[in-house]
Each structure stands twice: as structure tokens, then as C-alpha cells.
């Protein structure tokens, strides 16, 4: 049975979630459509620019992403602490970049309300917006609606563009987060769209590797508004200007080394050619080479719903009102 998003998100268990949206039927998000002989490559830029813009408004950070031909992956981090620290005015400013402002809120801001009941009603609206600014459902809605409308306008058609609701997974521990991020960044390599991490455009790994040629980063010809609203990807431990208590719990160099090593190994022409130089991050986590490669290449196929250790799954089940979660969602590290 389909479950509500609210029942699948438990910030007491994890702020990290993997989201996937897929186009309906033969609709093309990006790439070359051999059937119609049309190119939709430019739409990749739409997605990356929009998600960075939304990240600057929402209290949600982008840890990893990959924009594929008919779907995209996002690994998101919900910053609940920063969301609660926003003033009412800051909440209004952010939300009203996306939606029109009700007259009652305008009156409250200009101190023209005439009763305590009006003040209370205005604050109720604003607090509702505050909740939405840390809600992955609203983030994905603002992303998918924008892309669907723009694509339908370009295609001169109407109707559904996305295949129902987006799919989401709770990543309950560091192992699940690392595995999912690597799986996402390796998607173009697994699909034979790229041969290495440094050539795998429109992924978070590519954006982190090439700061001067980032996928989706505004160039000189971009509008000033694009430059203003650009928000960087969620940082790793040790990143400049990044608070280590609010960061991905690995170093960027270790992560890129692991993704690059994994990408080289799972290439079809090099399958089984295990590198003699084992990435340090695998040793830190105590993962065997063959187990990691299996996880990194089949995470999306093998795991659905929350992913983590048995202990983390049990806690997540209790906090989301579930009696149990299938043991197949246990990340098999051994």
C-alpha cells in the first residue's frame, strides 16, 4: 500500500534521503531520443539550475545528484536546525520567491492588522511555510512542477510528464549514505554515458571535481539572479567554510577516490580487474572490495524504502509508526 511521505520521513533517525523521479511512458527528460530524433540535452541544465535555486530557498541541501535521460537522482539533507532558526520575516521572504503572498501576511508585515486574531492567523500561515521549507515533498514538487511545465510548453503538449510520485529512501547511517551517494554519482558510468568521473557531466561528483566548469553553475552569460541564488552542494568534513557538525561525514578526497576507483572497476571492459591500491575509505568502513562493488552497482535495484543496519531500521520503524521493516532493507556489508 502506498504510504504518505510524512510516515516515511523521520528526522530523529536521519536527515538524509534519496529521491528519484522518472518520466512517464516515452517522455524524455534529457538526452537524445532516437525515436523522434530530437535532442533534449539542454534540459539537464534546467534541472540543475532549478534544484540549486530551490536549495537556496529551502533548508534542504543537495549531497549528490545525477541527471539521466528519463529520470534523475537526488540525495538530500534536511537542515532542521537552521530551519527553526529563521525569523518569520526570513520565512516570508524565502517562500514568496516561489508563491504569491496572501493579503493577510502583507498586512501583518506592514503592521496593519487590526486584531490579535489576525496576527495569529498570519503567523499560522507563516509557520506552515516554515514546515514546507524543510519538507522534501515540497522541494520535489517545486522542482518537478517547474520542469514539467517547461518541458510541456517546449513540446507543445499537456498532461502528465512525471511517472506518479517521486520515490524516496531514508538513509539511516553513514554506510547507507556513502553507498547511495556513490551509486548516484556512478549512474552515468553504469549507463555507458561516461567513461570516468571527471567526464561524467551533470553529476555531483563532476561538479565537485571541476569548480571552474561545474555542471549547472552559472557562467558569465547567466543572469545576475542566477548567480545570486546559486547554493553550493552540501560539504564534506574539512571543506572550507563548512561546519563539521553539519557536513557529510567523510572527506571529499576520500569520497572522490572511492567513486573513481569504483567507476573504473565496474566498467564492462575492466570488470574484475581489482586495483592494487585499495581506497582508504573502504578500510575505514571495513568493507571488502567485492561487497562494495556489488553495493555501488546495484543499490537502486536491491534496496527500496529505508536502508541501514538492523538496529537503525528497528528504530526507524518505531519512530514512523511501523510494526516492522523487511530485513532485506538491511545494508549487507558482510
C-alpha atoms as a PDB file:
ATOM      1  CA  UNK A   1       0.000   0.000   0.000  1.00  0.00           C
ATOM      2  CA  UNK A   2       1.242   3.495  -0.851  1.00  0.00           C
ATOM      3  CA  UNK A   3       2.415   5.382   2.250  1.00  0.00           C
ATOM      4  CA  UNK A   4       2.307   9.091   2.910  1.00  0.00           C
ATOM      5  CA  UNK A   5       5.602  10.975   2.750  1.00  0.00           C
ATOM      6  CA  UNK A   6       5.116  12.099   6.336  1.00  0.00           C
ATOM      7  CA  UNK A   7       5.185   8.484   7.504  1.00  0.00           C
ATOM      8  CA  UNK A   8       8.468   7.871   5.637  1.00  0.00           C
ATOM      9  CA  UNK A   9      10.418  10.864   6.961  1.00  0.00           C
ATOM     10  CA  UNK A  10      11.815  10.666  10.491  1.00  0.00           C
ATOM     11  CA  UNK A  11      14.324  13.415  11.234  1.00  0.00           C
ATOM     12  CA  UNK A  12      15.063  11.879  14.619  1.00  0.00           C
ATOM     13  CA  UNK A  13      16.543   8.912  12.720  1.00  0.00           C
ATOM     14  CA  UNK A  14      18.226  10.635   9.767  1.00  0.00           C
ATOM     15  CA  UNK A  15      18.299  13.930   7.845  1.00  0.00           C
ATOM     16  CA  UNK A  16      19.416  12.131   4.638  1.00  0.00           C
ATOM     17  CA  UNK A  17      17.007  10.942   1.922  1.00  0.00           C
ATOM     18  CA  UNK A  18      17.460   9.528  -1.590  1.00  0.00           C
ATOM     19  CA  UNK A  19      14.813  10.726  -4.070  1.00  0.00           C
ATOM     20  CA  UNK A  20      14.150   9.555  -7.641  1.00  0.00           C
ATOM     21  CA  UNK A  21      11.757  10.963 -10.256  1.00  0.00           C
ATOM     22  CA  UNK A  22      11.128   9.208 -13.561  1.00  0.00           C
ATOM     23  CA  UNK A  23       9.390  10.423 -16.725  1.00  0.00           C
ATOM     24  CA  UNK A  24       6.124   8.819 -17.801  1.00  0.00           C
ATOM     25  CA  UNK A  25       5.941   6.483 -20.826  1.00  0.00           C
ATOM     26  CA  UNK A  26       8.266   7.640 -23.645  1.00  0.00           C
ATOM     27  CA  UNK A  27       8.726  11.173 -22.337  1.00  0.00           C
ATOM     28  CA  UNK A  28      12.342  12.296 -22.446  1.00  0.00           C
ATOM     29  CA  UNK A  29      13.791  14.400 -19.667  1.00  0.00           C
ATOM     30  CA  UNK A  30      17.206  14.779 -21.314  1.00  0.00           C
ATOM     31  CA  UNK A  31      19.455  13.193 -23.899  1.00  0.00           C
ATOM     32  CA  UNK A  32      18.912  12.065 -27.480  1.00  0.00           C
ATOM     33  CA  UNK A  33      15.554  10.470 -28.313  1.00  0.00           C
ATOM     34  CA  UNK A  34      16.312   8.018 -31.127  1.00  0.00           C
ATOM     35  CA  UNK A  35      12.581   7.529 -31.784  1.00  0.00           C
ATOM     36  CA  UNK A  36      11.821  11.196 -32.559  1.00  0.00           C
ATOM     37  CA  UNK A  37      15.428  12.164 -33.382  1.00  0.00           C
ATOM     38  CA  UNK A  38      15.146  15.115 -31.038  1.00  0.00           C
ATOM     39  CA  UNK A  39      17.783  16.263 -28.572  1.00  0.00           C
ATOM     40  CA  UNK A  40      16.779  17.249 -25.064  1.00  0.00           C
ATOM     41  CA  UNK A  41      20.309  17.700 -23.693  1.00  0.00           C
ATOM     42  CA  UNK A  42      19.585  21.313 -22.723  1.00  0.00           C
ATOM     43  CA  UNK A  43      17.015  20.127 -20.175  1.00  0.00           C
ATOM     44  CA  UNK A  44      19.764  18.797 -17.921  1.00  0.00           C
ATOM     45  CA  UNK A  45      20.719  22.396 -17.266  1.00  0.00           C
ATOM     46  CA  UNK A  46      17.105  23.214 -16.374  1.00  0.00           C
ATOM     47  CA  UNK A  47      17.104  20.577 -13.641  1.00  0.00           C
ATOM     48  CA  UNK A  48      20.469  21.517 -12.149  1.00  0.00           C
ATOM     49  CA  UNK A  49      19.765  25.254 -12.138  1.00  0.00           C
ATOM     50  CA  UNK A  50      16.317  24.749 -10.618  1.00  0.00           C
ATOM     51  CA  UNK A  51      17.480  22.397  -7.864  1.00  0.00           C
ATOM     52  CA  UNK A  52      20.301  24.775  -6.869  1.00  0.00           C
ATOM     53  CA  UNK A  53      17.847  27.666  -6.810  1.00  0.00           C
ATOM     54  CA  UNK A  54      15.403  25.712  -4.627  1.00  0.00           C
ATOM     55  CA  UNK A  55      18.220  24.665  -2.295  1.00  0.00           C
ATOM     56  CA  UNK A  56      18.951  28.370  -1.733  1.00  0.00           C
ATOM     57  CA  UNK A  57      15.344  28.899  -0.577  1.00  0.00           C
ATOM     58  CA  UNK A  58      14.597  25.643   1.228  1.00  0.00           C
ATOM     59  CA  UNK A  59      16.558  24.462   4.247  1.00  0.00           C
ATOM     60  CA  UNK A  60      17.468  21.383   2.264  1.00  0.00           C
ATOM     61  CA  UNK A  61      20.966  20.659   0.983  1.00  0.00           C
ATOM     62  CA  UNK A  62      21.991  18.644  -2.071  1.00  0.00           C
ATOM     63  CA  UNK A  63      24.538  15.940  -1.235  1.00  0.00           C
ATOM     64  CA  UNK A  64      24.553  14.101  -4.562  1.00  0.00           C
ATOM     65  CA  UNK A  65      22.694  14.111  -7.864  1.00  0.00           C
ATOM     66  CA  UNK A  66      22.715  12.565 -11.323  1.00  0.00           C
ATOM     67  CA  UNK A  67      20.592  13.769 -14.239  1.00  0.00           C
ATOM     68  CA  UNK A  68      19.863  10.846 -16.575  1.00  0.00           C
ATOM     69  CA  UNK A  69      17.904  10.580 -19.850  1.00  0.00           C
ATOM     70  CA  UNK A  70      14.473   9.752 -18.398  1.00  0.00           C
ATOM     71  CA  UNK A  71      14.961  10.171 -14.636  1.00  0.00           C
ATOM     72  CA  UNK A  72      17.116  11.876 -12.039  1.00  0.00           C
ATOM     73  CA  UNK A  73      18.505  11.047  -8.593  1.00  0.00           C
ATOM     74  CA  UNK A  74      18.941  13.361  -5.610  1.00  0.00           C
ATOM     75  CA  UNK A  75      20.430  12.713  -2.183  1.00  0.00           C
ATOM     76  CA  UNK A  76      19.083  15.434   0.110  1.00  0.00           C
ATOM     77  CA  UNK A  77      19.969  16.631   3.610  1.00  0.00           C
ATOM     78  CA  UNK A  78      17.292  18.357   5.700  1.00  0.00           C
ATOM     79  CA  UNK A  79      18.701  21.133   7.901  1.00  0.00           C
ATOM     80  CA  UNK A  80      16.052  21.212  10.616  1.00  0.00           C
ATOM     81  CA  UNK A  81      18.195  23.279  12.986  1.00  0.00           C
ATOM     82  CA  UNK A  82      18.668  26.130  10.518  1.00  0.00           C
ATOM     83  CA  UNK A  83      15.010  25.960   9.546  1.00  0.00           C
ATOM     84  CA  UNK A  84      13.931  26.591  13.125  1.00  0.00           C
ATOM     85  CA  UNK A  85      16.375  29.494  13.490  1.00  0.00           C
ATOM     86  CA  UNK A  86      14.821  31.532  10.649  1.00  0.00           C
ATOM     87  CA  UNK A  87      12.813  34.590  11.629  1.00  0.00           C
ATOM     88  CA  UNK A  88       9.231  34.939  10.437  1.00  0.00           C
ATOM     89  CA  UNK A  89      10.358  37.642   8.019  1.00  0.00           C
ATOM     90  CA  UNK A  90      13.034  35.359   6.540  1.00  0.00           C
ATOM     91  CA  UNK A  91      10.473  32.584   6.079  1.00  0.00           C
ATOM     92  CA  UNK A  92       8.169  35.009   4.221  1.00  0.00           C
ATOM     93  CA  UNK A  93      10.991  36.270   2.016  1.00  0.00           C
ATOM     94  CA  UNK A  94      12.011  32.739   1.010  1.00  0.00           C
ATOM     95  CA  UNK A  95       8.563  31.259   0.429  1.00  0.00           C
ATOM     96  CA  UNK A  96       7.271  34.244  -1.505  1.00  0.00           C
ATOM     97  CA  UNK A  97      10.065  33.814  -4.030  1.00  0.00           C
ATOM     98  CA  UNK A  98       8.048  30.786  -5.163  1.00  0.00           C
ATOM     99  CA  UNK A  99       4.411  31.627  -4.443  1.00  0.00           C
ATOM    100  CA  UNK A 100       2.315  34.769  -4.134  1.00  0.00           C
ATOM    101  CA  UNK A 101       1.889  36.397  -0.765  1.00  0.00           C
ATOM    102  CA  UNK A 102      -1.577  36.398   0.860  1.00  0.00           C
ATOM    103  CA  UNK A 103      -3.048  39.803   1.690  1.00  0.00           C
ATOM    104  CA  UNK A 104      -3.225  38.887   5.381  1.00  0.00           C
ATOM    105  CA  UNK A 105       0.532  38.245   5.530  1.00  0.00           C
ATOM    106  CA  UNK A 106       1.215  41.522   3.693  1.00  0.00           C
ATOM    107  CA  UNK A 107      -0.867  43.343   6.285  1.00  0.00           C
ATOM    108  CA  UNK A 108       0.977  41.591   9.131  1.00  0.00           C
ATOM    109  CA  UNK A 109       4.352  42.576   7.649  1.00  0.00           C
ATOM    110  CA  UNK A 110       3.308  46.210   7.319  1.00  0.00           C
ATOM    111  CA  UNK A 111       1.785  46.141  10.836  1.00  0.00           C
ATOM    112  CA  UNK A 112      -1.693  46.895   9.512  1.00  0.00           C
ATOM    113  CA  UNK A 113      -3.517  44.018  11.207  1.00  0.00           C
ATOM    114  CA  UNK A 114      -6.345  45.146  13.451  1.00  0.00           C
ATOM    115  CA  UNK A 115      -6.720  42.308  15.919  1.00  0.00           C
ATOM    116  CA  UNK A 116      -4.841  39.560  17.736  1.00  0.00           C
ATOM    117  CA  UNK A 117      -6.854  37.004  15.791  1.00  0.00           C
ATOM    118  CA  UNK A 118      -5.483  38.376  12.514  1.00  0.00           C
ATOM    119  CA  UNK A 119      -1.909  38.282  13.882  1.00  0.00           C
ATOM    120  CA  UNK A 120      -2.405  34.697  14.993  1.00  0.00           C
ATOM    121  CA  UNK A 121      -3.838  33.674  11.611  1.00  0.00           C
ATOM    122  CA  UNK A 122      -0.916  35.300   9.775  1.00  0.00           C
ATOM    123  CA  UNK A 123       1.622  33.538  11.988  1.00  0.00           C
ATOM    124  CA  UNK A 124      -0.157  30.231  11.432  1.00  0.00           C
ATOM    125  CA  UNK A 125       0.308  30.677   7.673  1.00  0.00           C
ATOM    126  CA  UNK A 126       3.966  31.603   8.115  1.00  0.00           C
ATOM    127  CA  UNK A 127       4.666  28.641  10.398  1.00  0.00           C
ATOM    128  CA  UNK A 128       3.088  26.415   7.762  1.00  0.00           C
ATOM    129  CA  UNK A 129       5.558  27.823   5.244  1.00  0.00           C
ATOM    130  CA  UNK A 130       8.379  27.155   7.708  1.00  0.00           C
ATOM    131  CA  UNK A 131       7.436  23.486   7.783  1.00  0.00           C
ATOM    132  CA  UNK A 132       7.378  23.353   3.993  1.00  0.00           C
ATOM    133  CA  UNK A 133      10.889  24.835   3.756  1.00  0.00           C
ATOM    134  CA  UNK A 134      12.216  21.663   5.402  1.00  0.00           C
ATOM    135  CA  UNK A 135       9.899  19.253   3.570  1.00  0.00           C
ATOM    136  CA  UNK A 136      11.333  17.096   0.762  1.00  0.00           C
ATOM    137  CA  UNK A 137       7.851  16.648  -0.724  1.00  0.00           C
ATOM    138  CA  UNK A 138       7.513  20.395  -1.265  1.00  0.00           C
ATOM    139  CA  UNK A 139      11.083  20.603  -2.563  1.00  0.00           C
ATOM    140  CA  UNK A 140      10.414  17.880  -5.128  1.00  0.00           C
ATOM    141  CA  UNK A 141       7.035  19.381  -6.012  1.00  0.00           C
ATOM    142  CA  UNK A 142       8.602  22.774  -6.757  1.00  0.00           C
ATOM    143  CA  UNK A 143      11.268  21.079  -8.856  1.00  0.00           C
ATOM    144  CA  UNK A 144       9.057  18.664 -10.791  1.00  0.00           C
ATOM    145  CA  UNK A 145       6.201  21.086 -11.498  1.00  0.00           C
ATOM    146  CA  UNK A 146       8.621  23.647 -12.906  1.00  0.00           C
ATOM    147  CA  UNK A 147      10.350  21.116 -15.193  1.00  0.00           C
ATOM    148  CA  UNK A 148       7.049  19.543 -16.312  1.00  0.00           C
ATOM    149  CA  UNK A 149       5.510  22.891 -17.279  1.00  0.00           C
ATOM    150  CA  UNK A 150       8.635  23.974 -19.137  1.00  0.00           C
ATOM    151  CA  UNK A 151       9.003  20.650 -20.977  1.00  0.00           C
ATOM    152  CA  UNK A 152       5.314  20.513 -21.931  1.00  0.00           C
ATOM    153  CA  UNK A 153       5.489  24.066 -23.235  1.00  0.00           C
ATOM    154  CA  UNK A 154       8.533  23.184 -25.336  1.00  0.00           C
ATOM    155  CA  UNK A 155       6.837  20.016 -26.638  1.00  0.00           C
ATOM    156  CA  UNK A 156       3.596  21.931 -27.268  1.00  0.00           C
ATOM    157  CA  UNK A 157       1.555  19.408 -25.326  1.00  0.00           C
ATOM    158  CA  UNK A 158      -0.177  18.971 -21.977  1.00  0.00           C
ATOM    159  CA  UNK A 159      -0.671  16.185 -19.486  1.00  0.00           C
ATOM    160  CA  UNK A 160       1.433  14.193 -17.079  1.00  0.00           C
ATOM    161  CA  UNK A 161       5.194  14.399 -17.514  1.00  0.00           C
ATOM    162  CA  UNK A 162       6.378  12.502 -14.417  1.00  0.00           C
ATOM    163  CA  UNK A 163       5.599   8.908 -13.523  1.00  0.00           C
ATOM    164  CA  UNK A 164       3.445   9.483 -10.438  1.00  0.00           C
ATOM    165  CA  UNK A 165       5.039  10.459  -7.145  1.00  0.00           C
ATOM    166  CA  UNK A 166       8.774  10.566  -6.656  1.00  0.00           C
ATOM    167  CA  UNK A 167      10.337   7.650  -4.779  1.00  0.00           C
ATOM    168  CA  UNK A 168      12.231   8.247  -1.564  1.00  0.00           C
ATOM    169  CA  UNK A 169      14.535   6.248   0.702  1.00  0.00           C
ATOM    170  CA  UNK A 170      15.657   7.084   4.225  1.00  0.00           C
ATOM    171  CA  UNK A 171      19.440   6.619   4.556  1.00  0.00           C
ATOM    172  CA  UNK A 172      19.763   5.663   8.189  1.00  0.00           C
ATOM    173  CA  UNK A 173      23.522   5.508   8.755  1.00  0.00           C
ATOM    174  CA  UNK A 174      26.875   6.532   7.276  1.00  0.00           C
ATOM    175  CA  UNK A 175      27.281   3.286   5.333  1.00  0.00           C
ATOM    176  CA  UNK A 176      23.888   3.698   3.630  1.00  0.00           C
ATOM    177  CA  UNK A 177      24.646   7.368   2.858  1.00  0.00           C
ATOM    178  CA  UNK A 178      28.054   6.591   1.334  1.00  0.00           C
ATOM    179  CA  UNK A 179      26.741   3.667  -0.713  1.00  0.00           C
ATOM    180  CA  UNK A 180      23.783   5.635  -2.066  1.00  0.00           C
ATOM    181  CA  UNK A 181      25.850   8.721  -2.946  1.00  0.00           C
ATOM    182  CA  UNK A 182      28.388   6.601  -4.831  1.00  0.00           C
ATOM    183  CA  UNK A 183      25.583   4.714  -6.611  1.00  0.00           C
ATOM    184  CA  UNK A 184      24.052   8.039  -7.701  1.00  0.00           C
ATOM    185  CA  UNK A 185      27.344   9.530  -8.901  1.00  0.00           C
ATOM    186  CA  UNK A 186      28.186   6.348 -10.823  1.00  0.00           C
ATOM    187  CA  UNK A 187      24.843   6.215 -12.683  1.00  0.00           C
ATOM    188  CA  UNK A 188      26.134   7.739 -15.960  1.00  0.00           C
ATOM    189  CA  UNK A 189      29.137   5.397 -15.948  1.00  0.00           C
ATOM    190  CA  UNK A 190      26.953   2.353 -15.369  1.00  0.00           C
ATOM    191  CA  UNK A 191      24.675   3.531 -18.208  1.00  0.00           C
ATOM    192  CA  UNK A 192      27.730   3.948 -20.512  1.00  0.00           C
ATOM    193  CA  UNK A 193      27.052   7.671 -20.817  1.00  0.00           C
ATOM    194  CA  UNK A 194      30.554   8.446 -19.492  1.00  0.00           C
ATOM    195  CA  UNK A 195      33.824   6.587 -19.062  1.00  0.00           C
ATOM    196  CA  UNK A 196      35.173   8.305 -15.938  1.00  0.00           C
ATOM    197  CA  UNK A 197      34.111  10.503 -13.034  1.00  0.00           C
ATOM    198  CA  UNK A 198      35.802  13.586 -14.487  1.00  0.00           C
ATOM    199  CA  UNK A 199      33.823  13.262 -17.734  1.00  0.00           C
ATOM    200  CA  UNK A 200      30.525  12.325 -16.082  1.00  0.00           C
ATOM    201  CA  UNK A 201      28.725  15.645 -16.506  1.00  0.00           C
ATOM    202  CA  UNK A 202      25.586  16.597 -14.624  1.00  0.00           C
ATOM    203  CA  UNK A 203      26.540  14.639 -11.520  1.00  0.00           C
ATOM    204  CA  UNK A 204      27.547  15.968  -8.126  1.00  0.00           C
ATOM    205  CA  UNK A 205      30.982  14.298  -8.386  1.00  0.00           C
ATOM    206  CA  UNK A 206      31.669  16.179 -11.620  1.00  0.00           C
ATOM    207  CA  UNK A 207      30.531  19.454 -10.058  1.00  0.00           C
ATOM    208  CA  UNK A 208      32.797  18.935  -7.054  1.00  0.00           C
ATOM    209  CA  UNK A 209      35.783  17.937  -9.221  1.00  0.00           C
ATOM    210  CA  UNK A 210      35.677  20.796 -11.711  1.00  0.00           C
ATOM    211  CA  UNK A 211      34.863  24.036  -9.882  1.00  0.00           C
ATOM    212  CA  UNK A 212      35.562  26.136 -12.961  1.00  0.00           C
ATOM    213  CA  UNK A 213      33.353  24.025 -15.231  1.00  0.00           C
ATOM    214  CA  UNK A 214      30.687  22.870 -12.838  1.00  0.00           C
ATOM    215  CA  UNK A 215      27.574  21.289 -14.275  1.00  0.00           C
ATOM    216  CA  UNK A 216      24.809  23.796 -13.762  1.00  0.00           C
ATOM    217  CA  UNK A 217      26.957  26.555 -12.236  1.00  0.00           C
ATOM    218  CA  UNK A 218      26.165  29.956 -13.676  1.00  0.00           C
ATOM    219  CA  UNK A 219      28.685  31.153 -16.260  1.00  0.00           C
ATOM    220  CA  UNK A 220      29.398  34.730 -17.314  1.00  0.00           C
ATOM    221  CA  UNK A 221      26.428  34.824 -19.670  1.00  0.00           C
ATOM    222  CA  UNK A 222      23.978  33.830 -16.934  1.00  0.00           C
ATOM    223  CA  UNK A 223      21.611  36.359 -15.446  1.00  0.00           C
ATOM    224  CA  UNK A 224      22.565  38.101 -12.144  1.00  0.00           C
ATOM    225  CA  UNK A 225      19.586  36.427 -10.439  1.00  0.00           C
ATOM    226  CA  UNK A 226      21.042  33.002 -11.305  1.00  0.00           C
ATOM    227  CA  UNK A 227      24.365  33.971  -9.743  1.00  0.00           C
ATOM    228  CA  UNK A 228      22.720  35.308  -6.602  1.00  0.00           C
ATOM    229  CA  UNK A 229      20.665  32.197  -5.956  1.00  0.00           C
ATOM    230  CA  UNK A 230      23.434  29.651  -6.585  1.00  0.00           C
ATOM    231  CA  UNK A 231      23.931  27.484  -3.497  1.00  0.00           C
ATOM    232  CA  UNK A 232      26.875  25.076  -3.317  1.00  0.00           C
ATOM    233  CA  UNK A 233      26.483  21.369  -2.726  1.00  0.00           C
ATOM    234  CA  UNK A 234      26.420  20.134   0.868  1.00  0.00           C
ATOM    235  CA  UNK A 235      30.012  19.975   2.077  1.00  0.00           C
ATOM    236  CA  UNK A 236      32.215  17.189   3.381  1.00  0.00           C
ATOM    237  CA  UNK A 237      34.198  17.171   6.628  1.00  0.00           C
ATOM    238  CA  UNK A 238      37.145  19.529   6.292  1.00  0.00           C
ATOM    239  CA  UNK A 239      35.632  21.619   3.488  1.00  0.00           C
ATOM    240  CA  UNK A 240      36.387  25.313   3.669  1.00  0.00           C
ATOM    241  CA  UNK A 241      33.607  27.321   5.368  1.00  0.00           C
ATOM    242  CA  UNK A 242      31.822  24.078   6.249  1.00  0.00           C
ATOM    243  CA  UNK A 243      30.775  23.308   9.833  1.00  0.00           C
ATOM    244  CA  UNK A 244      31.940  19.743  10.521  1.00  0.00           C
ATOM    245  CA  UNK A 245      28.926  19.130  12.767  1.00  0.00           C
ATOM    246  CA  UNK A 246      26.729  19.874   9.735  1.00  0.00           C
ATOM    247  CA  UNK A 247      28.526  18.075   6.910  1.00  0.00           C
ATOM    248  CA  UNK A 248      28.784  14.750   5.093  1.00  0.00           C
ATOM    249  CA  UNK A 249      30.811  12.530   7.473  1.00  0.00           C
ATOM    250  CA  UNK A 250      33.678  11.766   5.059  1.00  0.00           C
ATOM    251  CA  UNK A 251      36.445  13.760   3.446  1.00  0.00           C
ATOM    252  CA  UNK A 252      35.892  14.838  -0.145  1.00  0.00           C
ATOM    253  CA  UNK A 253      39.233  13.419  -1.313  1.00  0.00           C
ATOM    254  CA  UNK A 254      38.455  10.002   0.173  1.00  0.00           C
ATOM    255  CA  UNK A 255      34.997  10.014  -1.402  1.00  0.00           C
ATOM    256  CA  UNK A 256      36.186  11.027  -4.883  1.00  0.00           C
ATOM    257  CA  UNK A 257      38.964   8.416  -4.700  1.00  0.00           C
ATOM    258  CA  UNK A 258      36.409   5.728  -3.845  1.00  0.00           C
ATOM    259  CA  UNK A 259      33.962   6.759  -6.592  1.00  0.00           C
ATOM    260  CA  UNK A 260      36.734   6.962  -9.186  1.00  0.00           C
ATOM    261  CA  UNK A 261      38.082   3.539  -8.180  1.00  0.00           C
ATOM    262  CA  UNK A 262      34.584   2.032  -8.241  1.00  0.00           C
ATOM    263  CA  UNK A 263      33.832   3.571 -11.627  1.00  0.00           C
ATOM    264  CA  UNK A 264      36.951   2.102 -13.166  1.00  0.00           C
ATOM    265  CA  UNK A 265      36.283  -1.344 -11.737  1.00  0.00           C
ATOM    266  CA  UNK A 266      32.629  -1.663 -12.762  1.00  0.00           C
ATOM    267  CA  UNK A 267      33.285  -0.601 -16.357  1.00  0.00           C
ATOM    268  CA  UNK A 268      32.409  -3.513 -18.587  1.00  0.00           C
ATOM    269  CA  UNK A 269      35.846  -3.618 -20.199  1.00  0.00           C
ATOM    270  CA  UNK A 270      37.575  -3.733 -16.801  1.00  0.00           C
ATOM    271  CA  UNK A 271      35.215  -5.852 -14.721  1.00  0.00           C
ATOM    272  CA  UNK A 272      37.125  -7.914 -12.179  1.00  0.00           C
ATOM    273  CA  UNK A 273      40.376  -6.003 -12.596  1.00  0.00           C
ATOM    274  CA  UNK A 274      40.635  -5.037  -8.935  1.00  0.00           C
ATOM    275  CA  UNK A 275      43.050  -2.190  -8.356  1.00  0.00           C
ATOM    276  CA  UNK A 276      46.013  -2.974  -6.140  1.00  0.00           C
ATOM    277  CA  UNK A 277      45.580   0.390  -4.420  1.00  0.00           C
ATOM    278  CA  UNK A 278      42.563  -0.065  -2.165  1.00  0.00           C
ATOM    279  CA  UNK A 279      40.731   3.223  -1.324  1.00  0.00           C
ATOM    280  CA  UNK A 280      41.285   4.326   2.264  1.00  0.00           C
ATOM    281  CA  UNK A 281      37.577   4.877   2.883  1.00  0.00           C
ATOM    282  CA  UNK A 282      36.858   1.165   2.330  1.00  0.00           C
ATOM    283  CA  UNK A 283      39.384   0.277   5.004  1.00  0.00           C
ATOM    284  CA  UNK A 284      37.920   2.856   7.368  1.00  0.00           C
ATOM    285  CA  UNK A 285      34.454   1.336   6.986  1.00  0.00           C
ATOM    286  CA  UNK A 286      35.732  -2.237   6.998  1.00  0.00           C
ATOM    287  CA  UNK A 287      34.237  -3.072   3.594  1.00  0.00           C
ATOM    288  CA  UNK A 288      35.576  -5.767   1.297  1.00  0.00           C
ATOM    289  CA  UNK A 289      36.262  -4.836  -2.338  1.00  0.00           C
ATOM    290  CA  UNK A 290      33.767  -7.233  -3.922  1.00  0.00           C
ATOM    291  CA  UNK A 291      30.993  -6.356  -1.436  1.00  0.00           C
ATOM    292  CA  UNK A 292      31.436  -2.636  -2.056  1.00  0.00           C
ATOM    293  CA  UNK A 293      31.398  -3.050  -5.830  1.00  0.00           C
ATOM    294  CA  UNK A 294      28.196  -5.060  -5.618  1.00  0.00           C
ATOM    295  CA  UNK A 295      26.546  -2.400  -3.457  1.00  0.00           C
ATOM    296  CA  UNK A 296      27.720   0.507  -5.600  1.00  0.00           C
ATOM    297  CA  UNK A 297      26.442  -1.064  -8.819  1.00  0.00           C
ATOM    298  CA  UNK A 298      23.068  -2.425  -7.667  1.00  0.00           C
ATOM    299  CA  UNK A 299      21.938  -0.225  -4.760  1.00  0.00           C
ATOM    300  CA  UNK A 300      18.903   1.166  -6.608  1.00  0.00           C
ATOM    301  CA  UNK A 301      17.746  -2.258  -7.741  1.00  0.00           C
ATOM    302  CA  UNK A 302      18.289  -4.154  -4.496  1.00  0.00           C
ATOM    303  CA  UNK A 303      17.076  -1.653  -1.893  1.00  0.00           C
ATOM    304  CA  UNK A 304      13.694   0.063  -1.599  1.00  0.00           C
ATOM    305  CA  UNK A 305      12.476   2.164   1.306  1.00  0.00           C
ATOM    306  CA  UNK A 306      14.665   2.906   4.311  1.00  0.00           C
ATOM    307  CA  UNK A 307      18.191   1.462   4.224  1.00  0.00           C
ATOM    308  CA  UNK A 308      20.590   0.863   7.106  1.00  0.00           C
ATOM    309  CA  UNK A 309      21.657  -1.521   9.825  1.00  0.00           C
ATOM    310  CA  UNK A 310      19.118  -3.736  11.596  1.00  0.00           C
ATOM    311  CA  UNK A 311      19.343  -1.516  14.690  1.00  0.00           C
ATOM    312  CA  UNK A 312      18.756   1.644  12.638  1.00  0.00           C
ATOM    313  CA  UNK A 313      15.845   0.026  10.776  1.00  0.00           C
ATOM    314  CA  UNK A 314      14.216  -1.037  14.043  1.00  0.00           C
ATOM    315  CA  UNK A 315      14.480   2.486  15.472  1.00  0.00           C
ATOM    316  CA  UNK A 316      13.153   3.992  12.240  1.00  0.00           C
ATOM    317  CA  UNK A 317      10.187   1.607  12.243  1.00  0.00           C
ATOM    318  CA  UNK A 318       9.271   2.639  15.767  1.00  0.00           C
ATOM    319  CA  UNK A 319       9.587   6.359  15.043  1.00  0.00           C
ATOM    320  CA  UNK A 320       7.457   6.177  11.872  1.00  0.00           C
ATOM    321  CA  UNK A 321       4.681   4.051  13.378  1.00  0.00           C
ATOM    322  CA  UNK A 322       5.542   0.847  11.529  1.00  0.00           C
ATOM    323  CA  UNK A 323       5.404  -2.530  13.231  1.00  0.00           C
ATOM    324  CA  UNK A 324       8.372  -3.807  11.225  1.00  0.00           C
ATOM    325  CA  UNK A 325      10.554  -3.184   8.182  1.00  0.00           C
ATOM    326  CA  UNK A 326      11.639  -6.014   5.888  1.00  0.00           C
ATOM    327  CA  UNK A 327      15.112  -7.327   6.723  1.00  0.00           C
ATOM    328  CA  UNK A 328      16.010  -7.126   3.011  1.00  0.00           C
ATOM    329  CA  UNK A 329      16.486  -3.385   3.582  1.00  0.00           C
ATOM    330  CA  UNK A 330      19.431  -4.129   5.859  1.00  0.00           C
ATOM    331  CA  UNK A 331      22.569  -2.915   4.125  1.00  0.00           C
ATOM    332  CA  UNK A 332      24.521  -6.113   3.541  1.00  0.00           C
ATOM    333  CA  UNK A 333      28.098  -5.130   4.321  1.00  0.00           C
ATOM    334  CA  UNK A 334      29.466  -8.583   5.041  1.00  0.00           C
END
